[in-house]
């Protein structure tokens, strides 16, 4: 999900009971409580990572598939959406695959990390995309790879990494500092969930929510 002009933009997805991938893009307005469908993505996608830079939506899908086909394949394609003219453009492909990876925007660069490797095993790669040059740069790898949930707090990328997409074991919290290109290990949450930055009483925190409970992380 990306926030542009007070609206939440979310794209792609998978309908499990229909074995269907989605190319859809919606913009949700929380004021009017209305979701408006926008131009479809160039292909149906799922398990991607989204970031917003200079009012444009950048989406690195994890997998792509036909809208009515349960077959899937990993992809490194990067797409950019411009809400001004409601159109998509292809950008330079990422150097690594990141299905079920995590990411965020720091200093006008789109950082994407982790996920699973279609060749087998998990992915520890960290890649940063610079829209001003349309180029990627591979940076210091994450200490361990796997499914990732990420959020940006204080110009650092916080990543909850898990060996499996759901569960309560083998969890890690890693923090990446782009100024030093180094990772640090912090206290892991008790379970996997959706990670986001929230602001409470003027202070920023990490918030993790799941069916197993919710957690607030303080530095």
C-alpha atoms as a PDB file:
ATOM      1  CA  UNK A   1       0.000   0.000   0.000  1.00  0.00           C
ATOM      2  CA  UNK A   2       1.224   3.504  -0.836  1.00  0.00           C
ATOM      3  CA  UNK A   3      -0.062   6.864   0.429  1.00  0.00           C
ATOM      4  CA  UNK A   4      -0.419   9.624  -2.199  1.00  0.00           C
ATOM      5  CA  UNK A   5      -2.456  12.791  -1.693  1.00  0.00           C
ATOM      6  CA  UNK A   6      -4.269  11.412   1.333  1.00  0.00           C
ATOM      7  CA  UNK A   7      -5.401   8.289  -0.535  1.00  0.00           C
ATOM      8  CA  UNK A   8      -4.212   4.703  -0.127  1.00  0.00           C
ATOM      9  CA  UNK A   9      -3.194   2.974  -3.360  1.00  0.00           C
ATOM     10  CA  UNK A  10      -3.054  -0.830  -3.425  1.00  0.00           C
ATOM     11  CA  UNK A  11      -2.477  -3.101  -6.415  1.00  0.00           C
ATOM     12  CA  UNK A  12      -2.499  -6.728  -7.498  1.00  0.00           C
ATOM     13  CA  UNK A  13      -3.463  -9.654  -5.308  1.00  0.00           C
ATOM     14  CA  UNK A  14      -4.743 -13.204  -5.439  1.00  0.00           C
ATOM     15  CA  UNK A  15      -8.238 -14.649  -4.969  1.00  0.00           C
ATOM     16  CA  UNK A  16      -7.578 -18.017  -3.334  1.00  0.00           C
ATOM     17  CA  UNK A  17     -10.935 -19.718  -3.884  1.00  0.00           C
ATOM     18  CA  UNK A  18     -10.890 -18.727  -7.582  1.00  0.00           C
ATOM     19  CA  UNK A  19      -7.148 -19.340  -8.208  1.00  0.00           C
ATOM     20  CA  UNK A  20      -7.084 -15.902  -9.827  1.00  0.00           C
ATOM     21  CA  UNK A  21      -4.357 -13.250  -9.950  1.00  0.00           C
ATOM     22  CA  UNK A  22      -5.380  -9.601 -10.109  1.00  0.00           C
ATOM     23  CA  UNK A  23      -4.018  -6.667 -12.157  1.00  0.00           C
ATOM     24  CA  UNK A  24      -6.288  -4.196 -10.331  1.00  0.00           C
ATOM     25  CA  UNK A  25      -5.291  -0.891  -8.771  1.00  0.00           C
ATOM     26  CA  UNK A  26      -7.532   0.910  -6.310  1.00  0.00           C
ATOM     27  CA  UNK A  27      -7.296   4.287  -4.586  1.00  0.00           C
ATOM     28  CA  UNK A  28      -9.039   4.400  -1.213  1.00  0.00           C
ATOM     29  CA  UNK A  29     -10.224   7.744   0.173  1.00  0.00           C
ATOM     30  CA  UNK A  30     -10.622   7.452   3.970  1.00  0.00           C
ATOM     31  CA  UNK A  31     -12.573  10.736   4.135  1.00  0.00           C
ATOM     32  CA  UNK A  32     -15.365   9.546   1.829  1.00  0.00           C
ATOM     33  CA  UNK A  33     -14.813   5.826   2.640  1.00  0.00           C
ATOM     34  CA  UNK A  34     -14.730   4.999  -1.069  1.00  0.00           C
ATOM     35  CA  UNK A  35     -12.314   2.867  -3.109  1.00  0.00           C
ATOM     36  CA  UNK A  36     -12.077   3.893  -6.766  1.00  0.00           C
ATOM     37  CA  UNK A  37     -10.613   1.524  -9.363  1.00  0.00           C
ATOM     38  CA  UNK A  38      -7.787   2.977 -11.434  1.00  0.00           C
ATOM     39  CA  UNK A  39      -5.845   1.772 -14.481  1.00  0.00           C
ATOM     40  CA  UNK A  40      -4.848  -1.886 -14.308  1.00  0.00           C
ATOM     41  CA  UNK A  41      -1.228  -2.911 -13.886  1.00  0.00           C
ATOM     42  CA  UNK A  42       0.549  -4.161 -17.033  1.00  0.00           C
ATOM     43  CA  UNK A  43       0.109  -7.731 -15.706  1.00  0.00           C
ATOM     44  CA  UNK A  44      -1.658  -9.598 -12.931  1.00  0.00           C
ATOM     45  CA  UNK A  45       0.602  -9.771  -9.869  1.00  0.00           C
ATOM     46  CA  UNK A  46       0.837 -10.833  -6.236  1.00  0.00           C
ATOM     47  CA  UNK A  47       3.246 -10.858  -3.248  1.00  0.00           C
ATOM     48  CA  UNK A  48       4.839  -7.523  -4.202  1.00  0.00           C
ATOM     49  CA  UNK A  49       6.448  -4.546  -2.473  1.00  0.00           C
ATOM     50  CA  UNK A  50       5.253  -0.955  -2.861  1.00  0.00           C
ATOM     51  CA  UNK A  51       6.863   2.452  -2.297  1.00  0.00           C
ATOM     52  CA  UNK A  52       6.004   6.095  -3.021  1.00  0.00           C
ATOM     53  CA  UNK A  53       8.542   8.600  -4.355  1.00  0.00           C
ATOM     54  CA  UNK A  54       7.705  12.120  -5.596  1.00  0.00           C
ATOM     55  CA  UNK A  55       3.992  11.382  -5.771  1.00  0.00           C
ATOM     56  CA  UNK A  56       4.384   8.229  -7.872  1.00  0.00           C
ATOM     57  CA  UNK A  57       3.702   4.619  -6.919  1.00  0.00           C
ATOM     58  CA  UNK A  58       6.491   2.075  -7.444  1.00  0.00           C
ATOM     59  CA  UNK A  59       5.503  -1.601  -7.372  1.00  0.00           C
ATOM     60  CA  UNK A  60       7.925  -4.527  -7.509  1.00  0.00           C
ATOM     61  CA  UNK A  61       5.668  -7.593  -7.868  1.00  0.00           C
ATOM     62  CA  UNK A  62       6.737 -10.867  -6.347  1.00  0.00           C
ATOM     63  CA  UNK A  63       4.997 -13.144  -8.813  1.00  0.00           C
ATOM     64  CA  UNK A  64       2.927 -12.699 -11.941  1.00  0.00           C
ATOM     65  CA  UNK A  65       0.308 -14.895 -13.576  1.00  0.00           C
ATOM     66  CA  UNK A  66      -2.588 -14.806 -15.989  1.00  0.00           C
ATOM     67  CA  UNK A  67      -5.716 -13.258 -14.411  1.00  0.00           C
ATOM     68  CA  UNK A  68      -7.564 -16.605 -14.609  1.00  0.00           C
ATOM     69  CA  UNK A  69      -4.651 -19.012 -14.165  1.00  0.00           C
ATOM     70  CA  UNK A  70      -3.336 -20.581 -10.968  1.00  0.00           C
ATOM     71  CA  UNK A  71       0.129 -20.871 -12.523  1.00  0.00           C
ATOM     72  CA  UNK A  72       2.672 -18.341 -11.298  1.00  0.00           C
ATOM     73  CA  UNK A  73       6.252 -17.367 -11.853  1.00  0.00           C
ATOM     74  CA  UNK A  74       8.586 -15.043  -9.996  1.00  0.00           C
ATOM     75  CA  UNK A  75       9.295 -11.684 -11.594  1.00  0.00           C
ATOM     76  CA  UNK A  76      11.855  -8.892 -11.208  1.00  0.00           C
ATOM     77  CA  UNK A  77       9.794  -6.362 -13.195  1.00  0.00           C
ATOM     78  CA  UNK A  78       9.348  -2.895 -11.683  1.00  0.00           C
ATOM     79  CA  UNK A  79       6.343  -0.726 -12.517  1.00  0.00           C
ATOM     80  CA  UNK A  80       5.655   2.958 -11.848  1.00  0.00           C
ATOM     81  CA  UNK A  81       2.167   4.442 -11.589  1.00  0.00           C
ATOM     82  CA  UNK A  82       1.461   8.162 -12.099  1.00  0.00           C
ATOM     83  CA  UNK A  83      -1.860   9.209 -10.504  1.00  0.00           C
ATOM     84  CA  UNK A  84      -1.861  12.484 -12.449  1.00  0.00           C
ATOM     85  CA  UNK A  85      -2.502  10.779 -15.806  1.00  0.00           C
ATOM     86  CA  UNK A  86      -3.624   7.391 -14.430  1.00  0.00           C
ATOM     87  CA  UNK A  87      -0.969   5.421 -16.302  1.00  0.00           C
ATOM     88  CA  UNK A  88       1.713   2.767 -15.703  1.00  0.00           C
ATOM     89  CA  UNK A  89       5.277   2.584 -17.041  1.00  0.00           C
ATOM     90  CA  UNK A  90       7.883  -0.167 -16.862  1.00  0.00           C
ATOM     91  CA  UNK A  91      11.167   0.704 -15.171  1.00  0.00           C
ATOM     92  CA  UNK A  92      14.469  -1.172 -14.871  1.00  0.00           C
ATOM     93  CA  UNK A  93      14.062  -4.700 -13.466  1.00  0.00           C
ATOM     94  CA  UNK A  94      15.473  -5.493 -10.032  1.00  0.00           C
ATOM     95  CA  UNK A  95      18.733  -7.479  -9.830  1.00  0.00           C
ATOM     96  CA  UNK A  96      17.129 -10.087  -7.518  1.00  0.00           C
ATOM     97  CA  UNK A  97      13.733 -11.700  -7.003  1.00  0.00           C
ATOM     98  CA  UNK A  98      11.758 -10.573  -3.923  1.00  0.00           C
ATOM     99  CA  UNK A  99       8.443 -12.507  -3.690  1.00  0.00           C
ATOM    100  CA  UNK A 100       7.013 -11.911  -0.200  1.00  0.00           C
ATOM    101  CA  UNK A 101       9.814  -9.441   0.469  1.00  0.00           C
ATOM    102  CA  UNK A 102       9.681  -6.185   2.382  1.00  0.00           C
ATOM    103  CA  UNK A 103      10.672  -2.647   1.580  1.00  0.00           C
ATOM    104  CA  UNK A 104      10.388   1.069   2.095  1.00  0.00           C
ATOM    105  CA  UNK A 105      11.489   4.474   0.851  1.00  0.00           C
ATOM    106  CA  UNK A 106      14.435   6.300   2.441  1.00  0.00           C
ATOM    107  CA  UNK A 107      15.975   9.434   0.932  1.00  0.00           C
ATOM    108  CA  UNK A 108      14.031   9.141  -2.344  1.00  0.00           C
ATOM    109  CA  UNK A 109      15.288   5.594  -2.926  1.00  0.00           C
ATOM    110  CA  UNK A 110      13.188   2.420  -2.907  1.00  0.00           C
ATOM    111  CA  UNK A 111      14.732  -0.333  -0.761  1.00  0.00           C
ATOM    112  CA  UNK A 112      13.556  -3.937  -1.234  1.00  0.00           C
ATOM    113  CA  UNK A 113      14.828  -6.901   0.769  1.00  0.00           C
ATOM    114  CA  UNK A 114      14.266 -10.594   1.437  1.00  0.00           C
ATOM    115  CA  UNK A 115      11.541 -12.898   0.183  1.00  0.00           C
ATOM    116  CA  UNK A 116      11.905 -16.364  -1.267  1.00  0.00           C
ATOM    117  CA  UNK A 117      14.225 -17.425  -4.068  1.00  0.00           C
ATOM    118  CA  UNK A 118      12.562 -19.169  -7.029  1.00  0.00           C
ATOM    119  CA  UNK A 119      15.757 -21.190  -7.502  1.00  0.00           C
ATOM    120  CA  UNK A 120      15.277 -22.565  -3.995  1.00  0.00           C
ATOM    121  CA  UNK A 121      15.647 -21.305  -0.460  1.00  0.00           C
ATOM    122  CA  UNK A 122      15.285 -17.805   0.951  1.00  0.00           C
ATOM    123  CA  UNK A 123      16.684 -14.491  -0.208  1.00  0.00           C
ATOM    124  CA  UNK A 124      18.982 -12.236   1.836  1.00  0.00           C
ATOM    125  CA  UNK A 125      19.539  -9.643  -0.916  1.00  0.00           C
ATOM    126  CA  UNK A 126      18.946  -5.926  -0.361  1.00  0.00           C
ATOM    127  CA  UNK A 127      18.439  -3.841  -3.504  1.00  0.00           C
ATOM    128  CA  UNK A 128      17.927  -0.073  -3.716  1.00  0.00           C
ATOM    129  CA  UNK A 129      16.293   1.656  -6.701  1.00  0.00           C
ATOM    130  CA  UNK A 130      17.033   5.288  -7.582  1.00  0.00           C
ATOM    131  CA  UNK A 131      14.288   6.741  -9.828  1.00  0.00           C
ATOM    132  CA  UNK A 132      16.475   9.706 -10.790  1.00  0.00           C
ATOM    133  CA  UNK A 133      18.858   7.360 -12.633  1.00  0.00           C
ATOM    134  CA  UNK A 134      16.521   4.392 -13.185  1.00  0.00           C
ATOM    135  CA  UNK A 135      19.195   2.119 -11.709  1.00  0.00           C
ATOM    136  CA  UNK A 136      19.423  -0.458  -8.925  1.00  0.00           C
ATOM    137  CA  UNK A 137      22.279  -1.014  -6.481  1.00  0.00           C
ATOM    138  CA  UNK A 138      22.780  -4.164  -4.416  1.00  0.00           C
ATOM    139  CA  UNK A 139      23.752  -3.382  -0.816  1.00  0.00           C
ATOM    140  CA  UNK A 140      24.703  -5.326   2.332  1.00  0.00           C
ATOM    141  CA  UNK A 141      22.675  -8.548   2.601  1.00  0.00           C
ATOM    142  CA  UNK A 142      20.263  -9.144   5.453  1.00  0.00           C
ATOM    143  CA  UNK A 143      21.747 -11.496   8.113  1.00  0.00           C
ATOM    144  CA  UNK A 144      19.175 -14.227   7.345  1.00  0.00           C
ATOM    145  CA  UNK A 145      16.665 -14.487   4.543  1.00  0.00           C
ATOM    146  CA  UNK A 146      12.991 -15.277   4.364  1.00  0.00           C
ATOM    147  CA  UNK A 147       9.540 -13.754   4.259  1.00  0.00           C
ATOM    148  CA  UNK A 148       9.718 -10.100   5.262  1.00  0.00           C
ATOM    149  CA  UNK A 149       7.531  -7.334   6.611  1.00  0.00           C
ATOM    150  CA  UNK A 150       9.173  -3.912   6.609  1.00  0.00           C
ATOM    151  CA  UNK A 151       8.601  -0.309   7.617  1.00  0.00           C
ATOM    152  CA  UNK A 152      10.720   2.846   7.722  1.00  0.00           C
ATOM    153  CA  UNK A 153      11.305   4.566  11.039  1.00  0.00           C
ATOM    154  CA  UNK A 154      13.891   7.285  11.653  1.00  0.00           C
ATOM    155  CA  UNK A 155      15.506   6.886   8.193  1.00  0.00           C
ATOM    156  CA  UNK A 156      16.150   3.204   8.874  1.00  0.00           C
ATOM    157  CA  UNK A 157      14.541   0.117   7.408  1.00  0.00           C
ATOM    158  CA  UNK A 158      13.052  -2.214  10.034  1.00  0.00           C
ATOM    159  CA  UNK A 159      12.439  -5.757   8.797  1.00  0.00           C
ATOM    160  CA  UNK A 160      10.620  -8.590  10.554  1.00  0.00           C
ATOM    161  CA  UNK A 161      11.987 -11.752   8.905  1.00  0.00           C
ATOM    162  CA  UNK A 162      10.463 -15.216   9.245  1.00  0.00           C
ATOM    163  CA  UNK A 163      11.336 -18.613   7.828  1.00  0.00           C
ATOM    164  CA  UNK A 164       7.660 -19.182   6.978  1.00  0.00           C
ATOM    165  CA  UNK A 165       4.925 -16.649   6.103  1.00  0.00           C
ATOM    166  CA  UNK A 166       2.916 -17.427   9.256  1.00  0.00           C
ATOM    167  CA  UNK A 167       3.818 -18.692  12.702  1.00  0.00           C
ATOM    168  CA  UNK A 168       5.640 -17.750  15.890  1.00  0.00           C
ATOM    169  CA  UNK A 169       9.053 -19.367  15.483  1.00  0.00           C
ATOM    170  CA  UNK A 170      12.312 -18.361  13.822  1.00  0.00           C
ATOM    171  CA  UNK A 171      11.477 -14.644  13.873  1.00  0.00           C
ATOM    172  CA  UNK A 172      14.044 -11.857  13.661  1.00  0.00           C
ATOM    173  CA  UNK A 173      13.938  -8.064  13.702  1.00  0.00           C
ATOM    174  CA  UNK A 174      16.711  -6.473  11.669  1.00  0.00           C
ATOM    175  CA  UNK A 175      17.420  -2.763  11.204  1.00  0.00           C
ATOM    176  CA  UNK A 176      19.261  -1.416   8.176  1.00  0.00           C
ATOM    177  CA  UNK A 177      21.080   1.925   8.269  1.00  0.00           C
ATOM    178  CA  UNK A 178      21.681   3.296   4.744  1.00  0.00           C
ATOM    179  CA  UNK A 179      24.252   5.784   6.051  1.00  0.00           C
ATOM    180  CA  UNK A 180      26.588   2.952   7.101  1.00  0.00           C
ATOM    181  CA  UNK A 181      25.258   0.139   4.868  1.00  0.00           C
ATOM    182  CA  UNK A 182      25.050  -2.109   7.938  1.00  0.00           C
ATOM    183  CA  UNK A 183      22.428  -4.239   9.670  1.00  0.00           C
ATOM    184  CA  UNK A 184      21.713  -4.498  13.406  1.00  0.00           C
ATOM    185  CA  UNK A 185      19.682  -7.126  15.257  1.00  0.00           C
ATOM    186  CA  UNK A 186      16.912  -6.008  17.628  1.00  0.00           C
ATOM    187  CA  UNK A 187      14.257  -7.692  19.759  1.00  0.00           C
ATOM    188  CA  UNK A 188      12.011  -9.885  17.623  1.00  0.00           C
ATOM    189  CA  UNK A 189       8.197  -9.748  17.909  1.00  0.00           C
ATOM    190  CA  UNK A 190       6.348 -12.787  19.298  1.00  0.00           C
ATOM    191  CA  UNK A 191       4.517 -13.521  16.050  1.00  0.00           C
ATOM    192  CA  UNK A 192       4.283 -12.667  12.355  1.00  0.00           C
ATOM    193  CA  UNK A 193       1.981  -9.874  11.247  1.00  0.00           C
ATOM    194  CA  UNK A 194       1.605  -6.755   9.149  1.00  0.00           C
ATOM    195  CA  UNK A 195       4.182  -4.110  10.045  1.00  0.00           C
ATOM    196  CA  UNK A 196       3.605  -0.359   9.776  1.00  0.00           C
ATOM    197  CA  UNK A 197       4.809   2.947  11.205  1.00  0.00           C
ATOM    198  CA  UNK A 198       2.262   4.740  13.379  1.00  0.00           C
ATOM    199  CA  UNK A 199       2.274   8.102  15.136  1.00  0.00           C
ATOM    200  CA  UNK A 200       0.884   8.326  18.672  1.00  0.00           C
ATOM    201  CA  UNK A 201       0.925  11.564  20.664  1.00  0.00           C
ATOM    202  CA  UNK A 202       3.529  13.020  18.312  1.00  0.00           C
ATOM    203  CA  UNK A 203       5.912  10.056  18.553  1.00  0.00           C
ATOM    204  CA  UNK A 204       6.607   7.401  15.913  1.00  0.00           C
ATOM    205  CA  UNK A 205       6.460   3.673  16.621  1.00  0.00           C
ATOM    206  CA  UNK A 206       6.379   0.359  14.814  1.00  0.00           C
ATOM    207  CA  UNK A 207       3.018  -1.410  14.990  1.00  0.00           C
ATOM    208  CA  UNK A 208       2.515  -5.069  14.152  1.00  0.00           C
ATOM    209  CA  UNK A 209      -0.977  -6.526  13.808  1.00  0.00           C
ATOM    210  CA  UNK A 210      -2.149 -10.080  13.218  1.00  0.00           C
ATOM    211  CA  UNK A 211      -4.883 -12.520  14.178  1.00  0.00           C
ATOM    212  CA  UNK A 212      -2.651 -13.580  17.085  1.00  0.00           C
ATOM    213  CA  UNK A 213      -2.545 -10.104  18.587  1.00  0.00           C
ATOM    214  CA  UNK A 214      -0.967  -6.696  18.125  1.00  0.00           C
ATOM    215  CA  UNK A 215       2.368  -5.331  19.270  1.00  0.00           C
ATOM    216  CA  UNK A 216       3.907  -1.874  19.620  1.00  0.00           C
ATOM    217  CA  UNK A 217       7.682  -1.577  19.311  1.00  0.00           C
ATOM    218  CA  UNK A 218       9.601   1.195  21.079  1.00  0.00           C
ATOM    219  CA  UNK A 219      13.263   1.877  20.437  1.00  0.00           C
END
